Amino acid sequence: MKFDELVSKVRETAQKVDASNMGFLAVQINITGKDSGVFYVEVKDGKINVEPYDYHDRNCAITISSADFVKLANGKLDPVLAFTTGKLKVDGDIGKALEFSKLLK
């Protein structure tokens, strides 16, 4: 999946999520591999924003390949397993990374 398609898919998914009871969350996603890129997901005031930019004041940054991110988003890759096997790396608050993984479901 190309990077732009991936960001669009995440935006579509984010529109379906009820974030009204969530606190602030800012996660930068670093996609590695052939279709690499950077985007962020921000939950603020009950709304989810997805933008293809760096987010410098983030809770955490997740680094993952495009293929593994798609598996993660589709529920075919457990986030804890991905982390322990090195397919997913977290820089920052791991608890916020887990909170983000719940948004994907």
C-alpha atoms as a PDB file:
ATOM      1  CA  MET A   1       0.000   0.000   0.000  1.00  0.00           C
ATOM      2  CA  LYS A   2       1.363   3.407  -0.937  1.00  0.00           C
ATOM      3  CA  PHE A   3       1.957   5.936   1.849  1.00  0.00           C
ATOM      4  CA  ASP A   4      -0.803   8.339   0.707  1.00  0.00           C
ATOM      5  CA  GLU A   5      -3.299   5.457   0.581  1.00  0.00           C
ATOM      6  CA  LEU A   6      -2.271   4.405   4.074  1.00  0.00           C
ATOM      7  CA  VAL A   7      -2.855   7.897   5.490  1.00  0.00           C
ATOM      8  CA  SER A   8      -6.240   8.077   3.724  1.00  0.00           C
ATOM      9  CA  LYS A   9      -7.246   4.711   5.176  1.00  0.00           C
ATOM     10  CA  VAL A  10      -6.266   5.825   8.685  1.00  0.00           C
ATOM     11  CA  ARG A  11      -8.329   9.025   8.207  1.00  0.00           C
ATOM     12  CA  GLU A  12     -11.360   6.971   7.128  1.00  0.00           C
ATOM     13  CA  THR A  13     -10.992   4.705  10.148  1.00  0.00           C
ATOM     14  CA  ALA A  14     -10.564   7.701  12.476  1.00  0.00           C
ATOM     15  CA  GLN A  15     -13.866   9.217  11.331  1.00  0.00           C
ATOM     16  CA  LYS A  16     -15.693   6.103  12.562  1.00  0.00           C
ATOM     17  CA  VAL A  17     -14.144   6.143  16.044  1.00  0.00           C
ATOM     18  CA  ASP A  18     -15.930   7.716  18.999  1.00  0.00           C
ATOM     19  CA  ALA A  19     -13.181   9.640  20.797  1.00  0.00           C
ATOM     20  CA  SER A  20     -15.505  11.732  22.954  1.00  0.00           C
ATOM     21  CA  ASN A  21     -14.373  10.034  26.166  1.00  0.00           C
ATOM     22  CA  MET A  22     -10.646  10.059  25.362  1.00  0.00           C
ATOM     23  CA  GLY A  23      -8.083  12.462  26.686  1.00  0.00           C
ATOM     24  CA  PHE A  24      -5.329  14.090  24.679  1.00  0.00           C
ATOM     25  CA  LEU A  25      -3.217  11.691  22.630  1.00  0.00           C
ATOM     26  CA  ALA A  26      -0.602  12.509  20.004  1.00  0.00           C
ATOM     27  CA  VAL A  27       1.192   9.675  18.231  1.00  0.00           C
ATOM     28  CA  GLN A  28       3.626  10.034  15.361  1.00  0.00           C
ATOM     29  CA  ILE A  29       3.796   7.041  13.013  1.00  0.00           C
ATOM     30  CA  ASN A  30       7.071   6.459  11.183  1.00  0.00           C
ATOM     31  CA  ILE A  31       6.473   4.094   8.277  1.00  0.00           C
ATOM     32  CA  THR A  32       9.592   2.320   7.064  1.00  0.00           C
ATOM     33  CA  GLY A  33      10.356   0.374   3.913  1.00  0.00           C
ATOM     34  CA  LYS A  34       9.586   0.968   0.269  1.00  0.00           C
ATOM     35  CA  ASP A  35       6.606   3.301   0.868  1.00  0.00           C
ATOM     36  CA  SER A  36       8.024   5.151   3.854  1.00  0.00           C
ATOM     37  CA  GLY A  37       6.708   8.366   5.364  1.00  0.00           C
ATOM     38  CA  VAL A  38       5.642  10.078   8.561  1.00  0.00           C
ATOM     39  CA  PHE A  39       2.167  10.990   9.790  1.00  0.00           C
ATOM     40  CA  TYR A  40       0.523  11.680  13.103  1.00  0.00           C
ATOM     41  CA  VAL A  41      -2.728  10.851  14.825  1.00  0.00           C
ATOM     42  CA  GLU A  42      -3.956  13.367  17.383  1.00  0.00           C
ATOM     43  CA  VAL A  43      -6.942  12.996  19.685  1.00  0.00           C
ATOM     44  CA  LYS A  44      -7.954  16.368  21.055  1.00  0.00           C
ATOM     45  CA  ASP A  45     -11.292  17.671  22.324  1.00  0.00           C
ATOM     46  CA  GLY A  46     -13.024  14.431  21.317  1.00  0.00           C
ATOM     47  CA  LYS A  47     -11.873  14.657  17.694  1.00  0.00           C
ATOM     48  CA  ILE A  48      -9.255  12.671  15.810  1.00  0.00           C
ATOM     49  CA  ASN A  49      -6.941  14.393  13.347  1.00  0.00           C
ATOM     50  CA  VAL A  50      -4.638  12.527  10.966  1.00  0.00           C
ATOM     51  CA  GLU A  51      -2.020  14.544   9.081  1.00  0.00           C
ATOM     52  CA  PRO A  52       1.085  13.628   7.051  1.00  0.00           C
ATOM     53  CA  TYR A  53       3.550  15.656   9.144  1.00  0.00           C
ATOM     54  CA  ASP A  54       5.997  15.262  12.031  1.00  0.00           C
ATOM     55  CA  TYR A  55       4.489  15.932  15.456  1.00  0.00           C
ATOM     56  CA  HIS A  56       7.174  17.322  17.729  1.00  0.00           C
ATOM     57  CA  ASP A  57       5.138  17.588  20.955  1.00  0.00           C
ATOM     58  CA  ARG A  58       3.939  13.988  20.845  1.00  0.00           C
ATOM     59  CA  ASN A  59       3.314  11.391  23.525  1.00  0.00           C
ATOM     60  CA  CYS A  60       5.190   8.765  21.540  1.00  0.00           C
ATOM     61  CA  ALA A  61       6.475   7.802  18.121  1.00  0.00           C
ATOM     62  CA  ILE A  62       5.860   4.383  16.608  1.00  0.00           C
ATOM     63  CA  THR A  63       8.154   3.000  13.925  1.00  0.00           C
ATOM     64  CA  ILE A  64       6.778   0.139  11.845  1.00  0.00           C
ATOM     65  CA  SER A  65       6.853  -1.118   8.261  1.00  0.00           C
ATOM     66  CA  SER A  66       3.931  -0.319   5.977  1.00  0.00           C
ATOM     67  CA  ALA A  67       2.978  -4.004   5.659  1.00  0.00           C
ATOM     68  CA  ASP A  68       3.034  -4.539   9.436  1.00  0.00           C
ATOM     69  CA  PHE A  69       1.031  -1.357  10.051  1.00  0.00           C
ATOM     70  CA  VAL A  70      -1.677  -2.605   7.688  1.00  0.00           C
ATOM     71  CA  LYS A  71      -1.728  -5.939   9.549  1.00  0.00           C
ATOM     72  CA  LEU A  72      -1.904  -4.083  12.872  1.00  0.00           C
ATOM     73  CA  ALA A  73      -4.782  -1.890  11.662  1.00  0.00           C
ATOM     74  CA  ASN A  74      -6.665  -4.926  10.316  1.00  0.00           C
ATOM     75  CA  GLY A  75      -6.302  -6.793  13.607  1.00  0.00           C
ATOM     76  CA  LYS A  76      -4.005  -9.422  12.106  1.00  0.00           C
ATOM     77  CA  LEU A  77      -0.967  -8.364  14.152  1.00  0.00           C
ATOM     78  CA  ASP A  78      -1.093  -8.072  17.933  1.00  0.00           C
ATOM     79  CA  PRO A  79       0.592  -4.808  19.024  1.00  0.00           C
ATOM     80  CA  VAL A  80       2.272  -6.395  22.052  1.00  0.00           C
ATOM     81  CA  LEU A  81       3.619  -9.264  19.932  1.00  0.00           C
ATOM     82  CA  ALA A  82       4.804  -6.795  17.282  1.00  0.00           C
ATOM     83  CA  PHE A  83       6.633  -4.819  19.982  1.00  0.00           C
ATOM     84  CA  THR A  84       8.252  -7.841  21.623  1.00  0.00           C
ATOM     85  CA  THR A  85       9.395  -9.272  18.276  1.00  0.00           C
ATOM     86  CA  GLY A  86      10.849  -5.933  17.130  1.00  0.00           C
ATOM     87  CA  LYS A  87       8.376  -5.321  14.301  1.00  0.00           C
ATOM     88  CA  LEU A  88       7.139  -2.222  16.123  1.00  0.00           C
ATOM     89  CA  LYS A  89       9.347   0.219  18.002  1.00  0.00           C
ATOM     90  CA  VAL A  90       8.102   2.841  20.446  1.00  0.00           C
ATOM     91  CA  ASP A  91       9.932   6.022  21.372  1.00  0.00           C
ATOM     92  CA  GLY A  92       8.200   7.663  24.333  1.00  0.00           C
ATOM     93  CA  ASP A  93       5.200   6.655  26.430  1.00  0.00           C
ATOM     94  CA  ILE A  94       4.460   2.966  25.793  1.00  0.00           C
ATOM     95  CA  GLY A  95       1.122   3.307  27.598  1.00  0.00           C
ATOM     96  CA  LYS A  96       0.033   5.920  25.055  1.00  0.00           C
ATOM     97  CA  ALA A  97       1.146   3.590  22.236  1.00  0.00           C
ATOM     98  CA  LEU A  98      -1.154   0.891  23.677  1.00  0.00           C
ATOM     99  CA  GLU A  99      -3.964   3.433  23.966  1.00  0.00           C
ATOM    100  CA  PHE A 100      -3.402   4.256  20.273  1.00  0.00           C
ATOM    101  CA  SER A 101      -3.558   0.556  19.333  1.00  0.00           C
ATOM    102  CA  LYS A 102      -7.036   0.410  20.910  1.00  0.00           C
ATOM    103  CA  LEU A 103      -8.130   3.205  18.557  1.00  0.00           C
ATOM    104  CA  LEU A 104      -7.289   0.984  15.610  1.00  0.00           C
ATOM    105  CA  LYS A 105      -9.691  -1.730  16.695  1.00  0.00           C
END
